[in-house]
Amino acid sequence: MIRFTAILTLIFTLSVPFMVFAEEAAPAGPSLGLTISNVWMMVATFLVFIMHLGFASLEAGLTRSKNTVNILFKNTLIPAIGLLTYAWFGFNLMYPGTFNGILGFAGFGLPFPTVGGALDLSYNEGYTYWTDFLFQGMFAATAATIVSGAVAERIKLNSFLVFSAVFVGLVYPILGSWKWGGGWLDSMGFYDFAGSTLVHSVGGWGALIGAIMLGARKGKYVDGKIKPIPGHSMPLATIGVFLLWLGWFGFNGGSVLSADPALVSLTLVTTCIAAAAGIIGAMLTTWTISKKPDLSMVLNGCLAGLVGITAGADQMGLGSSFWIGLIAGGLVVVSVMMIDKMKVDDPVGAVPVHLVCGIWGTLAVGIFGAMAGMKQFGIQLLGVGVYGITTALATLIIFSMVKATMGLRVSEEEEVEGLDLGEHGLEAYPDLALQPGAKSSAL
């Protein structure tokens, strides 16, 4: 028995160095914290992806049925164009590493950051390289989606797709690098947590320039009067807004860039408080002005509150979130009316929601945020101005070049008939034309 015990002891003693060596040689697995954070970031990515369905539903619902296929087609192509251009060069334009703060480029394509043949898990404490790319890629496509709504029902399909590729592939990532890529505005202290300016105002400026250059839809402004052109499906528009609200849990919650329980929870609460207050603000404003509550305004009020809180969702209290959302809800109603009086035809209210409320949300950081004060407000105002001038100029150049080479607007005949038949040769609701008493497909 003693001899058997001695043999076992000897075997164990001799095997210890090998067991230690094997443990040291094995590749280190992900920590529990990294795994949890990375899973949350992927969930947030899925939620931002759902926003594209929300934009498609909202835009289709607020426009006429004869253009539904065209709108759904554009909103299907935008994330595809966004992801491919972002993978090819956009991601490395936006996050070039060490650069001069204005323009940098880390090369074409996506490198494979590996260590010993496995993915390098030291890339970031909160997520892997691939998760970072996919999350940011979903953001990139959103900017062009905003433009789509403002130019709906009269822009040529091929012209819009070319614009989207350049806007998402070049303009958005270069501007994004100035803040999120560690550029010159970031070094000045400009703050935009999840993109009130970098995503929404950039898309809003593109929407404004596009709507002005295209001109109004036929029949929108007649004899100096504004003729409403209602959308064909308020249920579809409502579904779109709720999908967007759902997606904002990932848009803002994912921008924490980890699964930090305190910060993610705070961000989700402030986001929802602002959305709810935006609905109330829009309802009170439209009910006061028009004497009747307007569903389309209330839906945009929800989005206005979400856009407004996005710049500072991680540093606001409940009271600040409420006021940011409430003011945004009122602003969007007044802005829709003012833009209409200026004869800028924006079928879905993209400019009031994303541009006006994006500006408001960015400035609100200097009023309600953790570093509130005249200095921070001035920095926020500078960022708003820089992004506005640069985006407007870039959009003007792109649209002008497209107009000179391809043309921007469909023919009058095609606009009256509908872009579904003119651009695609099919209708979204073909059975309606067969029903007794059905109206023309030009509706």
Protein backbone atom coordinates (compact mmCIF):
# COMPACT_ATOMS: atom_id res chain seq x y z
CA MET A 1 0.00 0.00 0.00
CA ILE A 2 2.82 2.36 0.87
CA ARG A 3 4.60 1.46 -2.37
CA PHE A 4 1.39 2.15 -4.40
CA THR A 5 0.93 5.53 -2.70
CA ALA A 6 4.55 6.44 -3.39
CA ILE A 7 4.14 5.58 -7.07
CA LEU A 8 1.02 7.77 -7.36
CA THR A 9 2.86 10.62 -5.61
CA LEU A 10 5.79 10.26 -7.99
CA ILE A 11 3.50 10.25 -11.05
CA PHE A 12 1.64 13.34 -9.82
CA THR A 13 4.91 15.16 -9.04
CA LEU A 14 6.34 14.40 -12.47
CA SER A 15 3.12 15.46 -14.23
CA VAL A 16 2.81 18.86 -12.52
CA PRO A 17 5.29 20.68 -14.80
CA PHE A 18 3.51 19.34 -17.85
CA MET A 19 0.09 20.39 -16.56
CA VAL A 20 1.37 23.89 -15.83
CA PHE A 21 3.02 24.07 -19.23
CA ALA A 22 -0.18 22.93 -20.95
CA GLU A 23 -2.21 25.53 -19.06
CA GLU A 24 0.21 28.31 -20.02
CA ALA A 25 0.39 27.23 -23.67
CA ALA A 26 -3.38 27.10 -24.17
CA PRO A 27 -4.77 30.25 -25.82
CA ALA A 28 -6.48 32.53 -23.38
CA GLY A 29 -10.25 32.45 -23.70
CA PRO A 30 -12.51 35.49 -23.42
CA SER A 31 -13.20 36.80 -19.95
CA LEU A 32 -16.74 36.66 -18.63
CA GLY A 33 -16.95 40.46 -18.73
CA LEU A 34 -15.90 40.62 -22.38
CA THR A 35 -18.34 37.85 -23.29
CA ILE A 36 -21.27 39.57 -21.61
CA SER A 37 -20.44 42.99 -23.07
CA ASN A 38 -19.88 41.57 -26.53
CA VAL A 39 -23.22 39.75 -26.45
CA TRP A 40 -24.97 42.98 -25.45
CA MET A 41 -23.22 44.86 -28.26
CA MET A 42 -24.38 42.24 -30.76
CA VAL A 43 -27.94 42.50 -29.45
CA ALA A 44 -27.69 46.27 -29.82
CA THR A 45 -26.48 45.75 -33.39
CA PHE A 46 -29.55 43.62 -34.13
CA LEU A 47 -31.79 46.35 -32.72
CA VAL A 48 -30.17 49.05 -34.87
CA PHE A 49 -30.64 46.77 -37.87
CA ILE A 50 -34.38 46.61 -37.11
CA MET A 51 -34.46 50.41 -37.43
CA HIS A 52 -34.06 50.05 -41.19
CA LEU A 53 -37.38 48.20 -41.28
CA GLY A 54 -38.82 50.99 -39.15
CA PHE A 55 -37.63 53.66 -41.57
CA ALA A 56 -38.98 51.70 -44.52
CA SER A 57 -42.40 51.26 -42.88
CA LEU A 58 -42.63 54.88 -41.77
CA GLU A 59 -41.62 56.30 -45.14
CA ALA A 60 -43.95 53.97 -47.04
CA GLY A 61 -46.87 54.74 -44.73
CA LEU A 62 -46.48 58.52 -44.99
CA THR A 63 -46.34 58.51 -48.80
CA ARG A 64 -48.77 57.41 -51.51
CA SER A 65 -49.40 53.79 -52.37
CA LYS A 66 -48.20 54.22 -55.96
CA ASN A 67 -44.63 54.73 -54.70
CA THR A 68 -44.47 51.98 -52.07
CA VAL A 69 -42.35 49.48 -54.02
CA ASN A 70 -39.86 52.22 -54.87
CA ILE A 71 -39.54 53.27 -51.22
CA LEU A 72 -39.13 49.70 -49.99
CA PHE A 73 -36.55 49.06 -52.70
CA LYS A 74 -34.49 52.10 -51.66
CA ASN A 75 -34.64 51.14 -48.01
CA THR A 76 -33.51 47.61 -48.83
CA LEU A 77 -30.55 48.81 -50.90
CA ILE A 78 -29.35 51.42 -48.39
CA PRO A 79 -28.12 48.98 -45.68
CA ALA A 80 -26.55 46.82 -48.38
CA ILE A 81 -24.67 49.78 -49.87
CA GLY A 82 -23.79 51.05 -46.40
CA LEU A 83 -22.32 47.78 -45.15
CA LEU A 84 -20.31 47.09 -48.32
CA THR A 85 -18.81 50.58 -48.62
CA TYR A 86 -18.13 50.62 -44.86
CA ALA A 87 -16.34 47.28 -45.12
CA TRP A 88 -14.33 48.34 -48.18
CA PHE A 89 -13.09 51.70 -46.93
CA GLY A 90 -15.62 53.59 -44.73
CA PHE A 91 -14.68 51.97 -41.42
CA ASN A 92 -10.99 52.77 -41.93
CA LEU A 93 -11.85 56.34 -42.91
CA MET A 94 -13.88 56.84 -39.75
CA TYR A 95 -11.43 55.10 -37.42
CA PRO A 96 -8.02 55.59 -39.05
CA GLY A 97 -6.06 55.33 -35.82
CA THR A 98 -3.40 58.00 -35.37
CA PHE A 99 -4.06 60.82 -37.83
CA ASN A 100 -4.05 64.59 -38.17
CA GLY A 101 -7.58 64.97 -36.80
CA ILE A 102 -9.13 65.98 -40.12
CA LEU A 103 -8.53 63.19 -42.63
CA GLY A 104 -6.96 59.78 -42.24
CA PHE A 105 -7.18 56.36 -43.86
CA ALA A 106 -6.08 53.00 -42.51
CA GLY A 107 -6.33 51.18 -45.84
CA PHE A 108 -8.86 49.25 -47.90
CA GLY A 109 -10.75 46.27 -46.55
CA LEU A 110 -10.96 44.82 -43.05
CA PRO A 111 -7.82 43.24 -41.57
CA PHE A 112 -8.02 40.04 -39.55
CA PRO A 113 -6.68 40.98 -36.08
CA THR A 114 -5.45 37.59 -34.93
CA VAL A 115 -3.08 36.21 -32.31
CA GLY A 116 -1.93 32.65 -32.79
CA GLY A 117 -4.58 32.08 -35.44
CA ALA A 118 -7.46 33.21 -33.18
CA LEU A 119 -9.28 36.54 -33.03
CA ASP A 120 -7.33 39.08 -30.97
CA LEU A 121 -9.51 39.58 -27.90
CA SER A 122 -7.39 42.44 -26.59
CA TYR A 123 -8.94 44.79 -29.21
CA ASN A 124 -11.33 46.30 -26.66
CA GLU A 125 -12.60 45.43 -23.19
CA GLY A 126 -16.23 45.72 -24.29
CA TYR A 127 -16.38 44.09 -27.73
CA THR A 128 -14.41 42.39 -30.48
CA TYR A 129 -13.17 43.95 -33.70
CA TRP A 130 -15.92 42.31 -35.75
CA THR A 131 -18.64 43.49 -33.38
CA ASP A 132 -17.27 47.03 -33.56
CA PHE A 133 -17.38 47.01 -37.36
CA LEU A 134 -20.91 45.61 -37.58
CA PHE A 135 -22.35 47.96 -34.96
CA GLN A 136 -20.80 51.03 -36.58
CA GLY A 137 -21.78 49.82 -40.05
CA MET A 138 -25.44 49.79 -39.04
CA PHE A 139 -25.09 53.41 -37.94
CA ALA A 140 -23.52 54.44 -41.24
CA ALA A 141 -26.44 53.32 -43.38
CA THR A 142 -28.89 55.31 -41.24
CA ALA A 143 -27.65 58.66 -42.54
CA ALA A 144 -28.71 57.92 -46.14
CA THR A 145 -32.02 56.45 -44.95
CA ILE A 146 -32.89 59.85 -43.46
CA VAL A 147 -32.33 61.50 -46.85
CA SER A 148 -34.57 58.94 -48.55
CA GLY A 149 -37.70 60.17 -46.81
CA ALA A 150 -37.22 63.82 -47.75
CA VAL A 151 -36.72 63.11 -51.47
CA ALA A 152 -39.41 60.45 -51.73
CA GLU A 153 -41.89 60.21 -54.62
CA ARG A 154 -39.88 62.14 -57.22
CA ILE A 155 -36.18 61.18 -57.27
CA LYS A 156 -34.71 58.82 -59.86
CA LEU A 157 -33.77 55.48 -58.37
CA ASN A 158 -30.32 55.21 -59.95
CA SER A 159 -29.48 58.79 -58.97
CA PHE A 160 -30.44 58.15 -55.35
CA LEU A 161 -28.39 54.97 -55.18
CA VAL A 162 -25.29 56.74 -56.51
CA PHE A 163 -25.81 59.55 -54.01
CA SER A 164 -26.22 57.05 -51.16
CA ALA A 165 -22.99 55.23 -52.02
CA VAL A 166 -20.95 58.45 -51.96
CA PHE A 167 -22.73 59.94 -48.95
CA VAL A 168 -22.44 56.81 -46.80
CA GLY A 169 -19.05 55.72 -48.14
CA LEU A 170 -17.19 59.04 -47.96
CA VAL A 171 -19.07 61.93 -46.35
CA TYR A 172 -20.39 60.18 -43.24
CA PRO A 173 -17.16 58.40 -42.19
CA ILE A 174 -14.94 61.45 -42.75
CA LEU A 175 -17.25 63.63 -40.68
CA GLY A 176 -17.59 60.88 -38.09
CA SER A 177 -13.82 60.67 -37.66
CA TRP A 178 -13.76 64.25 -36.41
CA LYS A 179 -15.50 63.16 -33.21
CA TRP A 180 -15.78 59.39 -32.85
CA GLY A 181 -12.48 58.70 -34.60
CA GLY A 182 -10.59 60.92 -32.18
CA GLY A 183 -10.40 63.91 -34.53
CA TRP A 184 -10.13 67.62 -33.97
CA LEU A 185 -13.66 68.19 -32.64
CA ASP A 186 -13.19 65.39 -30.13
CA SER A 187 -9.99 67.00 -28.87
CA MET A 188 -11.89 70.29 -28.40
CA GLY A 189 -14.44 68.59 -26.15
CA PHE A 190 -17.40 68.40 -28.55
CA TYR A 191 -19.82 65.80 -27.17
CA ASP A 192 -22.23 63.63 -29.12
CA PHE A 193 -22.87 60.36 -27.32
CA ALA A 194 -24.82 58.44 -29.97
CA GLY A 195 -25.22 60.77 -32.93
CA SER A 196 -27.75 63.61 -32.64
CA THR A 197 -25.37 65.48 -34.92
CA LEU A 198 -23.05 62.84 -36.38
CA VAL A 199 -25.90 60.66 -37.64
CA HIS A 200 -29.17 62.60 -37.49
CA SER A 201 -28.13 66.15 -38.32
CA VAL A 202 -25.75 64.92 -41.01
CA GLY A 203 -28.63 62.99 -42.56
CA GLY A 204 -30.94 65.95 -41.96
CA TRP A 205 -28.69 68.38 -43.81
CA GLY A 206 -28.52 65.93 -46.70
CA ALA A 207 -32.31 65.69 -46.64
CA LEU A 208 -32.76 69.48 -46.69
CA ILE A 209 -30.40 70.07 -49.62
CA GLY A 210 -31.89 67.14 -51.54
CA ALA A 211 -35.47 68.35 -51.04
CA ILE A 212 -34.57 71.89 -52.15
CA MET A 213 -32.71 70.75 -55.26
CA LEU A 214 -35.48 68.36 -56.33
CA GLY A 215 -38.31 70.78 -55.80
CA ALA A 216 -41.78 69.99 -54.52
CA ARG A 217 -43.96 67.13 -55.67
CA LYS A 218 -46.46 67.96 -58.36
CA GLY A 219 -49.59 69.48 -56.81
CA LYS A 220 -48.06 70.17 -53.41
CA TYR A 221 -48.01 73.97 -53.71
CA VAL A 222 -50.73 75.44 -55.94
CA ASP A 223 -51.53 79.14 -56.35
CA GLY A 224 -49.49 80.02 -53.30
CA LYS A 225 -51.39 77.56 -51.12
CA ILE A 226 -50.18 74.39 -49.41
CA LYS A 227 -52.08 71.31 -50.51
CA PRO A 228 -51.66 68.37 -48.12
CA ILE A 229 -50.69 65.06 -49.75
CA PRO A 230 -51.57 62.47 -47.11
CA GLY A 231 -49.82 59.14 -46.85
CA HIS A 232 -51.66 55.95 -47.74
CA SER A 233 -51.25 53.97 -44.49
CA MET A 234 -51.16 55.43 -41.01
CA PRO A 235 -51.07 51.91 -39.49
CA LEU A 236 -47.88 51.21 -41.44
CA ALA A 237 -46.39 54.54 -40.32
CA THR A 238 -47.27 53.78 -36.70
CA ILE A 239 -45.65 50.35 -36.90
CA GLY A 240 -42.56 52.04 -38.33
CA VAL A 241 -42.29 54.45 -35.40
CA PHE A 242 -42.61 51.69 -32.82
CA LEU A 243 -39.94 49.68 -34.63
CA LEU A 244 -37.69 52.74 -34.54
CA TRP A 245 -38.34 53.26 -30.83
CA LEU A 246 -37.44 49.62 -30.26
CA GLY A 247 -34.29 50.04 -32.35
CA TRP A 248 -33.26 53.06 -30.31
CA PHE A 249 -32.67 50.75 -27.33
CA GLY A 250 -29.73 49.45 -29.35
CA PHE A 251 -28.85 52.79 -30.94
CA ASN A 252 -28.37 54.55 -27.61
CA GLY A 253 -27.91 51.57 -25.30
CA GLY A 254 -25.25 50.08 -27.54
CA SER A 255 -23.39 53.37 -27.67
CA VAL A 256 -22.30 52.73 -24.07
CA LEU A 257 -19.93 50.29 -25.85
CA SER A 258 -20.15 47.77 -23.02
CA ALA A 259 -22.70 46.04 -20.82
CA ASP A 260 -22.05 48.40 -17.91
CA PRO A 261 -25.29 47.80 -15.95
CA ALA A 262 -25.56 51.28 -14.44
CA LEU A 263 -24.83 53.24 -17.61
CA VAL A 264 -26.86 51.05 -19.97
CA SER A 265 -29.85 51.19 -17.64
CA LEU A 266 -29.62 54.97 -17.30
CA THR A 267 -29.31 55.41 -21.06
CA LEU A 268 -32.36 53.27 -21.80
CA VAL A 269 -34.45 55.13 -19.22
CA THR A 270 -33.49 58.61 -20.44
CA THR A 271 -34.13 57.50 -24.02
CA CYS A 272 -37.65 56.31 -23.22
CA ILE A 273 -38.51 59.32 -21.06
CA ALA A 274 -37.52 61.66 -23.91
CA ALA A 275 -39.54 59.66 -26.44
CA ALA A 276 -42.63 59.73 -24.22
CA ALA A 277 -42.22 63.46 -23.55
CA GLY A 278 -41.78 64.06 -27.30
CA ILE A 279 -45.15 62.43 -27.93
CA ILE A 280 -46.82 64.62 -25.31
CA GLY A 281 -45.08 67.76 -26.58
CA ALA A 282 -46.16 67.14 -30.16
CA MET A 283 -49.72 66.32 -29.12
CA LEU A 284 -50.11 69.49 -27.04
CA THR A 285 -48.58 71.68 -29.74
CA THR A 286 -50.61 70.34 -32.65
CA TRP A 287 -53.81 70.25 -30.59
CA THR A 288 -53.28 73.88 -29.60
CA ILE A 289 -52.47 75.12 -33.11
CA SER A 290 -54.76 72.96 -35.23
CA LYS A 291 -57.50 72.36 -32.63
CA LYS A 292 -57.29 68.63 -33.38
CA PRO A 293 -54.68 66.03 -32.41
CA ASP A 294 -52.68 64.88 -35.45
CA LEU A 295 -51.37 61.30 -35.42
CA SER A 296 -48.59 61.98 -37.95
CA MET A 297 -47.31 64.84 -35.78
CA VAL A 298 -47.44 62.68 -32.65
CA LEU A 299 -45.47 59.94 -34.41
CA ASN A 300 -42.83 62.45 -35.44
CA GLY A 301 -42.91 63.81 -31.89
CA CYS A 302 -41.80 60.41 -30.62
CA LEU A 303 -38.89 60.39 -33.08
CA ALA A 304 -38.09 64.01 -32.23
CA GLY A 305 -37.68 63.12 -28.56
CA LEU A 306 -35.47 60.17 -29.45
CA VAL A 307 -33.25 62.24 -31.73
CA GLY A 308 -33.05 65.01 -29.15
CA ILE A 309 -31.86 62.79 -26.30
CA THR A 310 -29.33 60.88 -28.40
CA ALA A 311 -26.46 63.35 -27.96
CA GLY A 312 -26.51 63.18 -24.16
CA ALA A 313 -28.51 60.12 -23.17
CA ASP A 314 -25.70 58.86 -20.94
CA GLN A 315 -25.45 61.96 -18.78
CA MET A 316 -28.99 63.23 -18.30
CA GLY A 317 -31.34 62.85 -15.36
CA LEU A 318 -35.04 62.11 -15.66
CA GLY A 319 -36.01 65.77 -15.45
CA SER A 320 -33.56 66.84 -18.13
CA SER A 321 -34.66 63.99 -20.39
CA PHE A 322 -38.29 65.03 -19.98
CA TRP A 323 -37.63 68.64 -20.96
CA ILE A 324 -35.39 67.70 -23.88
CA GLY A 325 -38.09 65.42 -25.25
CA LEU A 326 -40.98 67.78 -24.55
CA ILE A 327 -39.26 70.71 -26.29
CA ALA A 328 -38.27 68.46 -29.20
CA GLY A 329 -41.91 67.39 -29.60
CA GLY A 330 -43.03 70.99 -29.83
CA LEU A 331 -40.14 71.94 -32.13
CA VAL A 332 -40.95 69.24 -34.66
CA VAL A 333 -44.55 70.46 -35.09
CA VAL A 334 -43.54 74.10 -35.52
CA SER A 335 -40.68 73.11 -37.85
CA VAL A 336 -42.96 71.07 -40.11
CA MET A 337 -45.23 74.07 -40.52
CA MET A 338 -42.36 76.51 -41.12
CA ILE A 339 -40.66 74.29 -43.70
CA ASP A 340 -43.97 73.87 -45.50
CA LYS A 341 -44.40 77.66 -45.61
CA MET A 342 -40.91 77.89 -47.14
CA LYS A 343 -42.21 75.52 -49.87
CA VAL A 344 -39.65 72.83 -49.06
CA ASP A 345 -41.50 69.57 -49.69
CA ASP A 346 -40.48 66.93 -47.14
CA PRO A 347 -43.04 64.09 -47.32
CA VAL A 348 -42.11 62.41 -44.03
CA GLY A 349 -40.81 65.30 -41.93
CA ALA A 350 -37.19 64.12 -42.04
CA VAL A 351 -35.74 67.63 -41.83
CA PRO A 352 -37.74 68.72 -38.74
CA VAL A 353 -37.15 65.41 -36.93
CA HIS A 354 -33.51 64.73 -37.71
CA LEU A 355 -32.00 68.14 -38.47
CA VAL A 356 -33.90 70.52 -36.22
CA CYS A 357 -34.18 68.14 -33.27
CA GLY A 358 -30.66 66.84 -33.86
CA ILE A 359 -29.38 70.39 -33.46
CA TRP A 360 -31.54 70.89 -30.37
CA GLY A 361 -30.30 67.68 -28.78
CA THR A 362 -26.66 68.56 -29.41
CA LEU A 363 -27.06 72.02 -27.89
CA ALA A 364 -29.01 70.52 -24.96
CA VAL A 365 -25.79 68.81 -23.84
CA GLY A 366 -24.41 72.29 -23.12
CA ILE A 367 -27.57 73.20 -21.20
CA PHE A 368 -28.44 70.06 -19.20
CA GLY A 369 -25.37 67.82 -19.48
CA ALA A 370 -22.68 66.96 -16.97
CA MET A 371 -20.43 69.77 -18.26
CA ALA A 372 -23.23 72.29 -18.87
CA GLY A 373 -22.17 75.91 -19.15
CA MET A 374 -21.37 78.62 -21.67
CA LYS A 375 -18.05 77.03 -22.63
CA GLN A 376 -19.56 73.64 -23.39
CA PHE A 377 -22.54 75.25 -25.10
CA GLY A 378 -20.16 77.20 -27.33
CA ILE A 379 -18.26 74.02 -28.24
CA GLN A 380 -21.54 72.26 -29.04
CA LEU A 381 -22.63 75.22 -31.17
CA LEU A 382 -19.32 75.15 -33.04
CA GLY A 383 -19.78 71.44 -33.77
CA VAL A 384 -23.30 72.01 -35.04
CA GLY A 385 -22.10 74.78 -37.36
CA VAL A 386 -19.11 72.85 -38.69
CA TYR A 387 -21.12 69.73 -39.42
CA GLY A 388 -23.91 71.80 -40.96
CA ILE A 389 -21.71 73.76 -43.37
CA THR A 390 -19.59 70.76 -44.35
CA THR A 391 -22.50 68.37 -44.88
CA ALA A 392 -24.58 70.90 -46.80
CA LEU A 393 -21.66 71.73 -49.09
CA ALA A 394 -20.79 68.06 -49.66
CA THR A 395 -24.42 67.17 -50.38
CA LEU A 396 -24.77 70.08 -52.78
CA ILE A 397 -21.69 68.95 -54.71
CA ILE A 398 -22.81 65.31 -54.90
CA PHE A 399 -26.36 66.10 -55.97
CA SER A 400 -25.12 68.69 -58.49
CA MET A 401 -22.76 66.18 -60.09
CA VAL A 402 -25.48 63.52 -60.21
CA LYS A 403 -27.94 66.02 -61.68
CA ALA A 404 -25.49 67.08 -64.39
CA THR A 405 -24.67 63.51 -65.42
CA MET A 406 -27.74 61.39 -64.67
CA GLY A 407 -30.52 63.79 -63.78
CA LEU A 408 -32.29 63.88 -60.42
CA ARG A 409 -36.01 63.94 -60.97
CA VAL A 410 -38.29 61.51 -62.75
CA SER A 411 -40.46 62.74 -65.61
CA GLU A 412 -43.80 64.37 -64.86
CA GLU A 413 -45.60 61.43 -66.46
CA GLU A 414 -43.73 58.94 -64.28
CA GLU A 415 -44.40 60.99 -61.15
CA VAL A 416 -48.14 61.07 -61.86
CA GLU A 417 -48.29 57.38 -62.72
CA GLY A 418 -46.16 56.41 -59.74
CA LEU A 419 -42.56 55.32 -59.35
CA ASP A 420 -43.60 51.73 -58.72
CA LEU A 421 -44.67 51.25 -62.33
CA GLY A 422 -42.20 53.73 -63.83
CA GLU A 423 -39.06 52.48 -62.07
CA HIS A 424 -39.95 48.88 -61.21
CA GLY A 425 -42.81 47.76 -63.40
CA LEU A 426 -44.93 46.44 -60.53
CA GLU A 427 -47.31 47.64 -57.83
CA ALA A 428 -47.33 47.11 -54.08
CA TYR A 429 -51.12 46.62 -54.02
CA PRO A 430 -52.11 45.24 -57.44
CA ASP A 431 -55.38 43.73 -56.19
CA LEU A 432 -56.78 47.15 -55.26
CA ALA A 433 -57.11 48.09 -58.93
CA LEU A 434 -59.37 45.07 -59.49
CA GLN A 435 -61.87 45.96 -56.76
CA PRO A 436 -65.15 47.70 -57.71
CA GLY A 437 -64.92 51.44 -57.16
CA ALA A 438 -61.15 51.35 -56.65
CA LYS A 439 -59.27 54.56 -57.34
CA SER A 440 -56.54 54.97 -59.90
CA SER A 441 -53.05 53.66 -59.21
CA ALA A 442 -51.91 57.28 -59.41
CA LEU A 443 -53.11 57.79 -55.83
